[in-house]
């Protein structure tokens, strides 16, 4: 999939400025930048949630997982009903297994789950739509560090098990490095650097990337 010359404007403000980025099949592209850099606007444009110019080429179905799973899950729906909306009731147990949740959680409501469990349910719901691209927008930033690491390990496992193609968005370059095959860096609406994760993190070419590396702790797996 290729994002080509994509721009997002809100009135006179340009949130995303002429971004071109390739997301290879079966790979995780980590999109990193500070708050306000345009990465979430880019994600929403890719999913067709905000008006934009430019094109998204080669995209099949896209599904999005949001930062706050409690806000994105219907509090009146059980886990089973939430997942079955996109996949059908016969797929609930399989999808729960994919995200490493026990089948007995199917009858529970979001308020009865931990933050990490709710985020796994949101991921299962997205996978039920059989997406060609899964967009994950800051999905670990509201979680405790130990829970965050478990979700990141789950994402890496899904890539290997399903050949999952993902745009993974975070403000934390260390988190992106841990989970992504390719790292892309946004600053003030522009894509300033992109390449293999080891290259971008090991030999950053742009001063903003170097500043991000200096500002955040490394996540070790």
N, C-alpha and C. Protein backbone atom coordinates (compact mmCIF):
# COMPACT_ATOMS: atom_id res chain seq x y z
N UNK A 1 0.84 -1.18 0.00
CA UNK A 1 0.00 0.00 0.00
C UNK A 1 0.88 1.24 0.00
N UNK A 2 0.47 2.25 -0.76
CA UNK A 2 1.25 3.48 -0.84
C UNK A 2 0.35 4.68 -0.55
N UNK A 3 0.76 5.49 0.41
CA UNK A 3 0.16 6.79 0.66
C UNK A 3 0.93 7.78 -0.21
N UNK A 4 0.21 8.48 -1.08
CA UNK A 4 0.92 9.32 -2.05
C UNK A 4 0.42 10.77 -2.00
N UNK A 5 1.35 11.68 -1.68
CA UNK A 5 1.07 13.13 -1.70
C UNK A 5 -0.18 13.48 -0.89
N UNK A 6 -0.29 12.89 0.29
CA UNK A 6 -1.49 13.09 1.11
C UNK A 6 -1.35 14.33 1.98
N UNK A 7 -2.39 15.16 1.97
CA UNK A 7 -2.45 16.35 2.81
C UNK A 7 -3.81 16.41 3.51
N UNK A 8 -3.79 16.92 4.74
CA UNK A 8 -5.02 17.13 5.51
C UNK A 8 -5.00 18.56 6.01
N UNK A 9 -6.09 19.27 5.76
CA UNK A 9 -6.19 20.66 6.20
C UNK A 9 -7.47 20.86 7.00
N UNK A 10 -7.35 21.60 8.09
CA UNK A 10 -8.50 22.01 8.89
C UNK A 10 -8.59 23.53 8.79
N UNK A 11 -9.44 24.00 7.88
CA UNK A 11 -9.47 25.44 7.62
C UNK A 11 -8.15 25.86 6.99
N UNK A 12 -7.50 26.83 7.60
CA UNK A 12 -6.21 27.31 7.08
C UNK A 12 -5.02 26.53 7.63
N UNK A 13 -5.29 25.65 8.60
CA UNK A 13 -4.20 24.90 9.23
C UNK A 13 -3.94 23.61 8.47
N UNK A 14 -2.68 23.38 8.11
CA UNK A 14 -2.28 22.16 7.43
C UNK A 14 -1.72 21.18 8.46
N UNK A 15 -2.47 20.10 8.70
CA UNK A 15 -2.05 19.10 9.69
C UNK A 15 -1.10 18.08 9.09
N UNK A 16 -1.33 17.73 7.82
CA UNK A 16 -0.48 16.79 7.10
C UNK A 16 -0.14 17.43 5.76
N UNK A 17 1.16 17.49 5.47
CA UNK A 17 1.62 18.27 4.32
C UNK A 17 2.35 17.40 3.30
N UNK A 18 1.60 16.91 2.30
CA UNK A 18 2.18 16.24 1.14
C UNK A 18 3.05 15.03 1.53
N UNK A 19 2.46 14.10 2.27
CA UNK A 19 3.18 12.93 2.76
C UNK A 19 3.04 11.77 1.78
N UNK A 20 4.17 11.16 1.45
CA UNK A 20 4.20 9.93 0.66
C UNK A 20 4.92 8.87 1.48
N UNK A 21 4.27 7.71 1.63
CA UNK A 21 4.82 6.65 2.49
C UNK A 21 4.33 5.30 2.00
N UNK A 22 5.24 4.35 1.87
CA UNK A 22 4.87 2.99 1.49
C UNK A 22 4.73 2.13 2.74
N UNK A 23 3.68 1.31 2.77
CA UNK A 23 3.46 0.34 3.85
C UNK A 23 3.51 -1.04 3.23
N UNK A 24 4.64 -1.74 3.32
CA UNK A 24 4.77 -3.04 2.64
C UNK A 24 3.84 -4.09 3.25
N UNK A 25 3.36 -5.00 2.42
CA UNK A 25 2.50 -6.09 2.89
C UNK A 25 3.23 -6.92 3.94
N UNK A 26 2.50 -7.27 5.00
CA UNK A 26 3.05 -8.14 6.03
C UNK A 26 4.08 -7.49 6.91
N UNK A 27 4.14 -6.16 6.90
CA UNK A 27 5.11 -5.44 7.71
C UNK A 27 4.40 -4.41 8.60
N UNK A 28 5.09 -4.03 9.66
CA UNK A 28 4.59 -2.98 10.54
C UNK A 28 5.42 -1.72 10.29
N UNK A 29 4.73 -0.66 9.89
CA UNK A 29 5.38 0.64 9.74
C UNK A 29 5.04 1.47 10.97
N UNK A 30 6.06 1.87 11.69
CA UNK A 30 5.88 2.69 12.88
C UNK A 30 5.97 4.16 12.51
N UNK A 31 4.92 4.90 12.81
CA UNK A 31 4.89 6.34 12.53
C UNK A 31 5.02 7.08 13.85
N UNK A 32 6.09 7.85 13.98
CA UNK A 32 6.40 8.48 15.26
C UNK A 32 6.52 9.98 15.10
N UNK A 33 6.17 10.69 16.16
CA UNK A 33 6.28 12.14 16.19
C UNK A 33 5.62 12.65 17.46
N UNK A 34 5.96 13.85 17.85
CA UNK A 34 5.38 14.41 19.06
C UNK A 34 3.92 14.77 18.82
N UNK A 35 3.21 15.10 19.89
CA UNK A 35 1.82 15.52 19.78
C UNK A 35 1.71 16.73 18.86
N UNK A 36 0.76 16.68 17.92
CA UNK A 36 0.58 17.77 16.98
C UNK A 36 1.40 17.65 15.72
N UNK A 37 2.12 16.53 15.56
CA UNK A 37 2.97 16.37 14.37
C UNK A 37 2.18 15.99 13.13
N UNK A 38 0.93 15.56 13.31
CA UNK A 38 0.09 15.20 12.17
C UNK A 38 -0.12 13.71 11.98
N UNK A 39 0.48 12.91 12.85
CA UNK A 39 0.42 11.46 12.64
C UNK A 39 -0.99 10.90 12.79
N UNK A 40 -1.76 11.38 13.77
CA UNK A 40 -3.13 10.88 13.93
C UNK A 40 -4.04 11.36 12.80
N UNK A 41 -3.82 12.57 12.32
CA UNK A 41 -4.59 13.05 11.17
C UNK A 41 -4.28 12.21 9.94
N UNK A 42 -3.03 11.83 9.77
CA UNK A 42 -2.66 10.95 8.66
C UNK A 42 -3.38 9.61 8.79
N UNK A 43 -3.39 9.06 9.99
CA UNK A 43 -4.05 7.77 10.22
C UNK A 43 -5.53 7.85 9.88
N UNK A 44 -6.18 8.90 10.31
CA UNK A 44 -7.62 9.05 10.04
C UNK A 44 -7.89 9.26 8.56
N UNK A 45 -6.99 9.93 7.88
CA UNK A 45 -7.15 10.10 6.44
C UNK A 45 -7.02 8.76 5.71
N UNK A 46 -6.06 7.95 6.13
CA UNK A 46 -5.88 6.63 5.51
C UNK A 46 -7.14 5.79 5.67
N UNK A 47 -7.82 5.94 6.82
CA UNK A 47 -9.04 5.17 7.08
C UNK A 47 -10.29 5.85 6.52
N UNK A 48 -10.13 6.98 5.86
CA UNK A 48 -11.26 7.67 5.28
C UNK A 48 -12.12 8.42 6.27
N UNK A 49 -11.55 8.77 7.42
CA UNK A 49 -12.33 9.41 8.49
C UNK A 49 -12.27 10.93 8.44
N UNK A 50 -11.32 11.49 7.69
CA UNK A 50 -11.25 12.94 7.53
C UNK A 50 -11.00 13.26 6.06
N UNK A 51 -11.50 14.41 5.58
CA UNK A 51 -11.24 14.80 4.18
C UNK A 51 -9.74 15.02 3.96
N UNK A 52 -9.29 14.70 2.75
CA UNK A 52 -7.87 14.86 2.45
C UNK A 52 -7.69 14.97 0.94
N UNK A 53 -6.53 15.44 0.56
CA UNK A 53 -6.11 15.37 -0.83
C UNK A 53 -4.99 14.35 -0.94
N UNK A 54 -4.69 13.93 -2.17
CA UNK A 54 -3.74 12.85 -2.36
C UNK A 54 -4.46 11.52 -2.42
N UNK A 55 -3.71 10.44 -2.52
CA UNK A 55 -4.31 9.12 -2.71
C UNK A 55 -3.74 8.09 -1.74
N UNK A 56 -4.56 7.08 -1.48
CA UNK A 56 -4.13 5.89 -0.74
C UNK A 56 -4.32 4.72 -1.70
N UNK A 57 -3.21 4.22 -2.23
CA UNK A 57 -3.26 3.24 -3.32
C UNK A 57 -3.00 1.83 -2.80
N UNK A 58 -3.78 0.89 -3.31
CA UNK A 58 -3.56 -0.52 -2.98
C UNK A 58 -4.16 -0.94 -1.66
N UNK A 59 -4.98 -0.08 -1.06
CA UNK A 59 -5.58 -0.42 0.23
C UNK A 59 -6.81 -1.29 0.03
N UNK A 60 -6.88 -2.37 0.80
CA UNK A 60 -8.09 -3.18 0.83
C UNK A 60 -8.93 -2.61 1.97
N UNK A 61 -9.48 -3.42 2.81
CA UNK A 61 -10.20 -2.90 3.97
C UNK A 61 -9.22 -2.38 5.01
N UNK A 62 -9.57 -1.28 5.64
CA UNK A 62 -8.77 -0.76 6.75
C UNK A 62 -9.61 -0.80 8.03
N UNK A 63 -8.95 -1.11 9.13
CA UNK A 63 -9.57 -1.08 10.44
C UNK A 63 -8.67 -0.27 11.36
N UNK A 64 -9.27 0.42 12.32
CA UNK A 64 -8.49 1.28 13.20
C UNK A 64 -8.74 0.91 14.66
N UNK A 65 -7.66 0.89 15.44
CA UNK A 65 -7.73 0.70 16.89
C UNK A 65 -7.28 2.00 17.53
N UNK A 66 -8.09 2.51 18.46
CA UNK A 66 -7.85 3.84 19.02
C UNK A 66 -7.12 3.77 20.36
N UNK A 67 -6.68 4.94 20.81
CA UNK A 67 -5.90 5.04 22.04
C UNK A 67 -6.68 4.58 23.26
N UNK A 68 -7.93 4.99 23.37
CA UNK A 68 -8.73 4.71 24.57
C UNK A 68 -9.75 3.62 24.26
N UNK A 69 -9.48 2.38 24.64
CA UNK A 69 -10.41 1.30 24.30
C UNK A 69 -11.74 1.44 25.02
N UNK A 70 -11.75 2.04 26.21
CA UNK A 70 -13.01 2.16 26.94
C UNK A 70 -13.97 3.08 26.19
N UNK A 71 -13.42 4.13 25.58
CA UNK A 71 -14.26 5.06 24.82
C UNK A 71 -14.71 4.46 23.49
N UNK A 72 -13.92 3.55 22.94
CA UNK A 72 -14.26 3.00 21.62
C UNK A 72 -15.13 1.76 21.68
N UNK A 73 -15.29 1.18 22.88
CA UNK A 73 -16.14 0.00 23.04
C UNK A 73 -17.49 0.42 23.61
N UNK A 74 -18.55 -0.17 23.09
CA UNK A 74 -19.90 0.13 23.58
C UNK A 74 -20.08 -0.48 24.97
N UNK A 75 -20.32 0.34 26.00
CA UNK A 75 -20.42 -0.20 27.36
C UNK A 75 -21.61 -1.12 27.57
N UNK A 76 -22.58 -1.09 26.66
CA UNK A 76 -23.78 -1.92 26.80
C UNK A 76 -23.66 -3.25 26.06
N UNK A 77 -22.52 -3.46 25.41
CA UNK A 77 -22.33 -4.69 24.63
C UNK A 77 -21.29 -5.58 25.29
N UNK A 78 -21.57 -6.87 25.33
CA UNK A 78 -20.59 -7.82 25.85
C UNK A 78 -19.42 -7.94 24.87
N UNK A 79 -18.36 -8.55 25.36
CA UNK A 79 -17.19 -8.79 24.51
C UNK A 79 -17.60 -9.59 23.28
N UNK A 80 -18.39 -10.63 23.48
CA UNK A 80 -18.80 -11.48 22.36
C UNK A 80 -19.57 -10.70 21.31
N UNK A 81 -20.50 -9.88 21.76
CA UNK A 81 -21.31 -9.12 20.81
C UNK A 81 -20.47 -8.07 20.09
N UNK A 82 -19.53 -7.47 20.81
CA UNK A 82 -18.64 -6.48 20.20
C UNK A 82 -17.83 -7.09 19.06
N UNK A 83 -17.23 -8.24 19.32
CA UNK A 83 -16.40 -8.89 18.31
C UNK A 83 -17.25 -9.44 17.18
N UNK A 84 -18.43 -9.96 17.52
CA UNK A 84 -19.29 -10.58 16.50
C UNK A 84 -19.85 -9.58 15.51
N UNK A 85 -19.87 -8.30 15.88
CA UNK A 85 -20.39 -7.27 14.96
C UNK A 85 -19.71 -7.32 13.60
N UNK A 86 -18.40 -7.51 13.61
CA UNK A 86 -17.67 -7.51 12.35
C UNK A 86 -17.37 -8.88 11.81
N UNK A 87 -17.31 -9.88 12.70
CA UNK A 87 -16.82 -11.20 12.28
C UNK A 87 -17.89 -12.28 12.28
N UNK A 88 -18.99 -12.05 13.00
CA UNK A 88 -19.99 -13.10 13.16
C UNK A 88 -19.75 -13.87 14.44
N UNK A 89 -20.82 -14.41 15.04
CA UNK A 89 -20.69 -15.08 16.34
C UNK A 89 -19.80 -16.31 16.33
N UNK A 90 -19.68 -16.95 15.18
CA UNK A 90 -18.85 -18.15 15.11
C UNK A 90 -17.36 -17.89 15.19
N UNK A 91 -16.95 -16.64 15.09
CA UNK A 91 -15.54 -16.29 15.09
C UNK A 91 -15.04 -15.74 16.42
N UNK A 92 -15.94 -15.57 17.38
CA UNK A 92 -15.57 -14.89 18.63
C UNK A 92 -14.48 -15.64 19.37
N UNK A 93 -14.64 -16.93 19.55
CA UNK A 93 -13.65 -17.69 20.33
C UNK A 93 -12.29 -17.69 19.65
N UNK A 94 -12.28 -17.83 18.32
CA UNK A 94 -11.01 -17.82 17.59
C UNK A 94 -10.30 -16.48 17.73
N UNK A 95 -11.05 -15.39 17.62
CA UNK A 95 -10.44 -14.07 17.71
C UNK A 95 -9.96 -13.76 19.12
N UNK A 96 -10.70 -14.21 20.12
CA UNK A 96 -10.22 -14.06 21.49
C UNK A 96 -8.90 -14.80 21.67
N UNK A 97 -8.81 -15.98 21.09
CA UNK A 97 -7.57 -16.74 21.17
C UNK A 97 -6.41 -16.04 20.49
N UNK A 98 -6.69 -15.39 19.36
CA UNK A 98 -5.64 -14.67 18.64
C UNK A 98 -5.03 -13.56 19.49
N UNK A 99 -5.86 -12.90 20.30
CA UNK A 99 -5.34 -11.81 21.13
C UNK A 99 -5.03 -12.27 22.55
N UNK A 100 -4.97 -13.59 22.72
CA UNK A 100 -4.54 -14.20 23.99
C UNK A 100 -5.47 -13.85 25.15
N UNK A 101 -6.78 -13.93 24.89
CA UNK A 101 -7.78 -13.75 25.94
C UNK A 101 -8.57 -15.04 26.09
N UNK A 102 -8.92 -15.43 27.33
CA UNK A 102 -9.69 -16.66 27.54
C UNK A 102 -11.13 -16.51 27.06
N UNK A 103 -11.70 -17.61 26.61
CA UNK A 103 -13.06 -17.59 26.06
C UNK A 103 -14.09 -17.16 27.09
N UNK A 104 -13.80 -17.38 28.38
CA UNK A 104 -14.80 -17.03 29.40
C UNK A 104 -15.02 -15.53 29.55
N UNK A 105 -14.16 -14.71 28.93
CA UNK A 105 -14.38 -13.27 28.97
C UNK A 105 -15.47 -12.82 27.99
N UNK A 106 -15.93 -13.72 27.15
CA UNK A 106 -16.88 -13.35 26.09
C UNK A 106 -18.16 -12.73 26.64
N UNK A 107 -18.58 -13.15 27.82
CA UNK A 107 -19.83 -12.65 28.38
C UNK A 107 -19.68 -11.40 29.22
N UNK A 108 -18.49 -10.88 29.34
CA UNK A 108 -18.27 -9.70 30.18
C UNK A 108 -18.47 -8.40 29.40
N UNK A 109 -18.63 -7.32 30.17
CA UNK A 109 -18.78 -5.98 29.61
C UNK A 109 -17.46 -5.22 29.77
N UNK A 110 -17.25 -4.16 28.99
CA UNK A 110 -15.98 -3.42 29.07
C UNK A 110 -15.61 -2.97 30.48
N UNK A 111 -16.59 -2.57 31.28
CA UNK A 111 -16.30 -2.10 32.64
C UNK A 111 -15.73 -3.20 33.53
N UNK A 112 -15.92 -4.45 33.13
CA UNK A 112 -15.44 -5.58 33.92
C UNK A 112 -14.05 -6.05 33.49
N UNK A 113 -13.44 -5.34 32.56
CA UNK A 113 -12.13 -5.72 32.04
C UNK A 113 -11.07 -4.71 32.46
N UNK A 114 -9.83 -5.16 32.47
CA UNK A 114 -8.71 -4.25 32.69
C UNK A 114 -8.45 -3.46 31.41
N UNK A 115 -7.61 -2.42 31.52
CA UNK A 115 -7.28 -1.62 30.35
C UNK A 115 -6.63 -2.45 29.25
N UNK A 116 -5.71 -3.33 29.64
CA UNK A 116 -5.05 -4.17 28.65
C UNK A 116 -6.01 -5.14 27.99
N UNK A 117 -6.95 -5.70 28.77
CA UNK A 117 -7.94 -6.60 28.20
C UNK A 117 -8.86 -5.86 27.23
N UNK A 118 -9.27 -4.65 27.59
CA UNK A 118 -10.12 -3.87 26.68
C UNK A 118 -9.41 -3.59 25.36
N UNK A 119 -8.12 -3.27 25.44
CA UNK A 119 -7.40 -2.99 24.20
C UNK A 119 -7.28 -4.25 23.35
N UNK A 120 -7.12 -5.40 23.97
CA UNK A 120 -7.07 -6.66 23.22
C UNK A 120 -8.41 -6.96 22.56
N UNK A 121 -9.50 -6.63 23.25
CA UNK A 121 -10.83 -6.80 22.64
C UNK A 121 -10.97 -5.89 21.42
N UNK A 122 -10.49 -4.65 21.54
CA UNK A 122 -10.55 -3.72 20.41
C UNK A 122 -9.73 -4.25 19.23
N UNK A 123 -8.59 -4.85 19.51
CA UNK A 123 -7.77 -5.44 18.45
C UNK A 123 -8.50 -6.62 17.82
N UNK A 124 -9.11 -7.47 18.66
CA UNK A 124 -9.85 -8.62 18.14
C UNK A 124 -11.00 -8.17 17.25
N UNK A 125 -11.71 -7.13 17.67
CA UNK A 125 -12.81 -6.60 16.86
C UNK A 125 -12.29 -6.13 15.50
N UNK A 126 -11.16 -5.44 15.50
CA UNK A 126 -10.59 -4.95 14.24
C UNK A 126 -10.16 -6.11 13.35
N UNK A 127 -9.55 -7.14 13.93
CA UNK A 127 -9.13 -8.30 13.15
C UNK A 127 -10.32 -9.03 12.56
N UNK A 128 -11.45 -8.96 13.24
CA UNK A 128 -12.66 -9.62 12.74
C UNK A 128 -13.14 -9.06 11.42
N UNK A 129 -12.74 -7.83 11.11
CA UNK A 129 -13.09 -7.23 9.83
C UNK A 129 -12.17 -7.65 8.70
N UNK A 130 -11.24 -8.57 8.97
CA UNK A 130 -10.29 -9.07 7.98
C UNK A 130 -9.61 -7.92 7.23
N UNK A 131 -8.91 -7.05 7.97
CA UNK A 131 -8.36 -5.85 7.33
C UNK A 131 -7.14 -6.14 6.47
N UNK A 132 -7.05 -5.41 5.35
CA UNK A 132 -5.81 -5.42 4.60
C UNK A 132 -4.76 -4.56 5.28
N UNK A 133 -5.23 -3.57 6.06
CA UNK A 133 -4.35 -2.71 6.83
C UNK A 133 -5.01 -2.44 8.18
N UNK A 134 -4.25 -2.66 9.25
CA UNK A 134 -4.70 -2.31 10.60
C UNK A 134 -3.94 -1.06 11.03
N UNK A 135 -4.69 -0.03 11.41
CA UNK A 135 -4.10 1.22 11.87
C UNK A 135 -4.26 1.29 13.39
N UNK A 136 -3.15 1.40 14.10
CA UNK A 136 -3.15 1.43 15.56
C UNK A 136 -2.65 2.79 16.01
N UNK A 137 -3.54 3.58 16.61
CA UNK A 137 -3.22 4.97 16.96
C UNK A 137 -2.97 5.10 18.47
N UNK A 138 -1.70 5.11 18.87
CA UNK A 138 -1.31 5.29 20.27
C UNK A 138 -1.98 4.25 21.18
N UNK A 139 -2.02 3.00 20.75
CA UNK A 139 -2.82 2.00 21.46
C UNK A 139 -2.22 1.56 22.79
N UNK A 140 -0.95 1.89 23.04
CA UNK A 140 -0.35 1.49 24.32
C UNK A 140 -0.08 2.67 25.25
N UNK A 141 -0.32 3.89 24.80
CA UNK A 141 0.12 5.06 25.58
C UNK A 141 -0.65 5.23 26.88
N UNK A 142 -1.87 4.69 26.98
CA UNK A 142 -2.66 4.83 28.20
C UNK A 142 -2.50 3.64 29.15
N UNK A 143 -1.61 2.71 28.80
CA UNK A 143 -1.45 1.48 29.58
C UNK A 143 -0.22 1.55 30.47
N UNK A 144 -0.25 0.78 31.57
CA UNK A 144 0.93 0.64 32.41
C UNK A 144 2.06 0.00 31.61
N UNK A 145 3.30 0.21 32.06
CA UNK A 145 4.46 -0.24 31.30
C UNK A 145 4.44 -1.75 31.08
N UNK A 146 4.11 -2.53 32.11
CA UNK A 146 4.11 -3.98 31.96
C UNK A 146 3.03 -4.44 31.00
N UNK A 147 1.86 -3.81 31.06
CA UNK A 147 0.77 -4.14 30.15
C UNK A 147 1.12 -3.69 28.74
N UNK A 148 1.76 -2.54 28.63
CA UNK A 148 2.19 -2.02 27.34
C UNK A 148 3.11 -3.02 26.64
N UNK A 149 4.07 -3.56 27.37
CA UNK A 149 5.01 -4.52 26.78
C UNK A 149 4.28 -5.76 26.29
N UNK A 150 3.29 -6.23 27.05
CA UNK A 150 2.53 -7.42 26.65
C UNK A 150 1.75 -7.16 25.36
N UNK A 151 1.17 -5.98 25.22
CA UNK A 151 0.42 -5.65 24.00
C UNK A 151 1.37 -5.54 22.81
N UNK A 152 2.54 -4.95 23.02
CA UNK A 152 3.52 -4.86 21.94
C UNK A 152 3.98 -6.24 21.49
N UNK A 153 4.19 -7.14 22.44
CA UNK A 153 4.56 -8.51 22.08
C UNK A 153 3.43 -9.19 21.31
N UNK A 154 2.19 -8.91 21.69
CA UNK A 154 1.04 -9.45 20.95
C UNK A 154 1.05 -8.96 19.51
N UNK A 155 1.30 -7.67 19.31
CA UNK A 155 1.32 -7.10 17.96
C UNK A 155 2.40 -7.77 17.11
N UNK A 156 3.57 -7.95 17.68
CA UNK A 156 4.64 -8.62 16.94
C UNK A 156 4.26 -10.05 16.60
N UNK A 157 3.60 -10.72 17.54
CA UNK A 157 3.17 -12.09 17.29
C UNK A 157 2.12 -12.18 16.20
N UNK A 158 1.20 -11.22 16.17
CA UNK A 158 0.17 -11.20 15.12
C UNK A 158 0.78 -10.95 13.74
N UNK A 159 1.80 -10.10 13.70
CA UNK A 159 2.50 -9.90 12.42
C UNK A 159 3.07 -11.21 11.92
N UNK A 160 3.72 -11.96 12.81
CA UNK A 160 4.35 -13.21 12.40
C UNK A 160 3.32 -14.29 12.08
N UNK A 161 2.25 -14.34 12.87
CA UNK A 161 1.26 -15.41 12.73
C UNK A 161 0.31 -15.18 11.56
N UNK A 162 -0.09 -13.93 11.35
CA UNK A 162 -1.11 -13.62 10.35
C UNK A 162 -0.56 -12.92 9.12
N UNK A 163 0.71 -12.51 9.15
CA UNK A 163 1.22 -11.67 8.08
C UNK A 163 0.56 -10.31 8.09
N UNK A 164 0.31 -9.80 9.30
CA UNK A 164 -0.45 -8.57 9.49
C UNK A 164 0.30 -7.36 8.93
N UNK A 165 -0.42 -6.52 8.20
CA UNK A 165 0.11 -5.25 7.72
C UNK A 165 -0.45 -4.15 8.61
N UNK A 166 0.43 -3.31 9.16
CA UNK A 166 -0.02 -2.36 10.17
C UNK A 166 0.69 -1.02 10.05
N UNK A 167 -0.07 0.04 10.30
CA UNK A 167 0.49 1.37 10.54
C UNK A 167 0.35 1.61 12.03
N UNK A 168 1.48 1.62 12.74
CA UNK A 168 1.51 1.70 14.20
C UNK A 168 2.00 3.09 14.59
N UNK A 169 1.16 3.84 15.29
CA UNK A 169 1.44 5.25 15.57
C UNK A 169 1.75 5.43 17.05
N UNK A 170 2.81 6.18 17.33
CA UNK A 170 3.19 6.45 18.71
C UNK A 170 4.04 7.72 18.78
N UNK A 171 4.02 8.36 19.94
CA UNK A 171 4.93 9.49 20.17
C UNK A 171 6.28 9.01 20.68
N UNK A 172 6.39 7.72 20.98
CA UNK A 172 7.58 7.16 21.62
C UNK A 172 8.39 6.36 20.61
N UNK A 173 9.53 6.86 20.23
CA UNK A 173 10.36 6.21 19.22
C UNK A 173 10.88 4.86 19.70
N UNK A 174 11.12 4.72 21.00
CA UNK A 174 11.59 3.44 21.52
C UNK A 174 10.53 2.36 21.36
N UNK A 175 9.27 2.70 21.61
CA UNK A 175 8.17 1.76 21.43
C UNK A 175 8.04 1.37 19.96
N UNK A 176 8.11 2.37 19.08
CA UNK A 176 8.01 2.10 17.65
C UNK A 176 9.15 1.20 17.19
N UNK A 177 10.34 1.48 17.65
CA UNK A 177 11.49 0.64 17.28
C UNK A 177 11.28 -0.81 17.70
N UNK A 178 10.69 -1.02 18.86
CA UNK A 178 10.50 -2.37 19.39
C UNK A 178 9.55 -3.19 18.52
N UNK A 179 8.56 -2.54 17.94
CA UNK A 179 7.49 -3.28 17.26
C UNK A 179 7.56 -3.20 15.74
N UNK A 180 8.26 -2.21 15.19
CA UNK A 180 8.14 -1.91 13.76
C UNK A 180 9.29 -2.47 12.93
N UNK A 181 8.97 -2.79 11.67
CA UNK A 181 9.98 -3.15 10.68
C UNK A 181 10.55 -1.91 9.99
N UNK A 182 9.67 -0.94 9.79
CA UNK A 182 10.03 0.33 9.15
C UNK A 182 9.61 1.46 10.08
N UNK A 183 10.45 2.47 10.21
CA UNK A 183 10.13 3.63 11.04
C UNK A 183 10.03 4.87 10.16
N UNK A 184 8.93 5.61 10.33
CA UNK A 184 8.73 6.88 9.64
C UNK A 184 8.53 7.96 10.69
N UNK A 185 9.15 9.11 10.48
CA UNK A 185 9.14 10.18 11.47
C UNK A 185 8.44 11.41 10.90
N UNK A 186 7.43 11.90 11.64
CA UNK A 186 6.71 13.11 11.23
C UNK A 186 7.04 14.27 12.16
N UNK A 187 7.14 15.45 11.57
CA UNK A 187 7.41 16.67 12.33
C UNK A 187 6.71 17.83 11.64
N UNK A 188 5.81 18.47 12.38
CA UNK A 188 5.06 19.62 11.87
C UNK A 188 4.36 19.32 10.55
N UNK A 189 3.75 18.14 10.50
CA UNK A 189 2.94 17.77 9.35
C UNK A 189 3.69 17.14 8.20
N UNK A 190 5.00 17.13 8.27
CA UNK A 190 5.81 16.59 7.17
C UNK A 190 6.51 15.30 7.59
N UNK A 191 6.73 14.43 6.62
CA UNK A 191 7.53 13.23 6.84
C UNK A 191 8.99 13.62 6.65
N UNK A 192 9.78 13.54 7.73
CA UNK A 192 11.16 14.02 7.65
C UNK A 192 12.17 12.90 7.49
N UNK A 193 11.75 11.65 7.79
CA UNK A 193 12.68 10.54 7.66
C UNK A 193 11.89 9.23 7.65
N UNK A 194 12.33 8.27 6.86
CA UNK A 194 11.71 6.95 6.84
C UNK A 194 12.72 5.94 6.33
N UNK A 195 12.66 4.73 6.90
CA UNK A 195 13.57 3.68 6.47
C UNK A 195 13.47 2.48 7.39
N UNK A 196 14.29 1.45 7.15
CA UNK A 196 14.31 0.30 8.05
C UNK A 196 14.55 0.73 9.49
N UNK A 197 13.89 0.07 10.42
CA UNK A 197 13.95 0.50 11.82
C UNK A 197 15.38 0.59 12.34
N UNK A 198 16.19 -0.41 12.05
CA UNK A 198 17.57 -0.40 12.55
C UNK A 198 18.35 0.80 12.01
N UNK A 199 18.08 1.15 10.76
CA UNK A 199 18.79 2.27 10.15
C UNK A 199 18.37 3.60 10.76
N UNK A 200 17.05 3.80 10.88
CA UNK A 200 16.56 5.08 11.39
C UNK A 200 16.97 5.29 12.85
N UNK A 201 16.90 4.22 13.63
CA UNK A 201 17.26 4.33 15.05
C UNK A 201 18.77 4.32 15.24
N UNK A 202 19.47 3.51 14.46
CA UNK A 202 20.91 3.39 14.63
C UNK A 202 21.70 4.53 14.03
N UNK A 203 21.23 5.04 12.89
CA UNK A 203 21.92 6.13 12.21
C UNK A 203 20.92 7.16 11.71
N UNK A 204 20.25 7.86 12.63
CA UNK A 204 19.23 8.83 12.21
C UNK A 204 19.84 9.95 11.37
N UNK A 205 19.14 10.27 10.28
CA UNK A 205 19.66 11.28 9.36
C UNK A 205 19.16 12.69 9.69
N UNK A 206 18.00 12.78 10.35
CA UNK A 206 17.40 14.09 10.60
C UNK A 206 17.58 14.49 12.06
N UNK A 207 17.80 15.76 12.29
CA UNK A 207 18.05 16.23 13.65
C UNK A 207 16.85 16.01 14.56
N UNK A 208 15.63 16.05 14.01
CA UNK A 208 14.44 15.82 14.83
C UNK A 208 14.39 14.37 15.31
N UNK A 209 14.77 13.43 14.44
CA UNK A 209 14.83 12.03 14.85
C UNK A 209 15.85 11.84 15.96
N UNK A 210 16.98 12.50 15.84
CA UNK A 210 18.00 12.41 16.89
C UNK A 210 17.48 12.99 18.20
N UNK A 211 16.69 14.05 18.13
CA UNK A 211 16.12 14.64 19.34
C UNK A 211 15.12 13.69 19.99
N UNK A 212 14.31 13.01 19.18
CA UNK A 212 13.37 12.03 19.73
C UNK A 212 14.11 10.89 20.43
N UNK A 213 15.17 10.43 19.82
CA UNK A 213 15.96 9.35 20.42
C UNK A 213 16.56 9.78 21.75
N UNK A 214 16.99 11.01 21.83
CA UNK A 214 17.60 11.49 23.07
C UNK A 214 16.58 11.72 24.17
N UNK A 215 15.31 11.91 23.78
CA UNK A 215 14.30 12.32 24.75
C UNK A 215 13.55 11.18 25.42
N UNK A 216 13.60 9.98 24.84
CA UNK A 216 12.77 8.89 25.37
C UNK A 216 13.64 7.72 25.79
N UNK A 217 13.20 6.97 26.82
CA UNK A 217 13.94 5.79 27.23
C UNK A 217 13.76 4.66 26.24
N UNK A 218 14.72 3.76 26.18
CA UNK A 218 14.62 2.59 25.33
C UNK A 218 13.74 1.54 25.99
N UNK A 219 12.91 0.89 25.18
CA UNK A 219 12.11 -0.24 25.65
C UNK A 219 12.85 -1.51 25.26
N UNK A 220 13.20 -2.30 26.22
CA UNK A 220 13.99 -3.50 25.94
C UNK A 220 13.10 -4.73 25.98
N UNK A 221 13.28 -5.59 24.99
CA UNK A 221 12.47 -6.80 24.92
C UNK A 221 13.27 -8.01 25.29
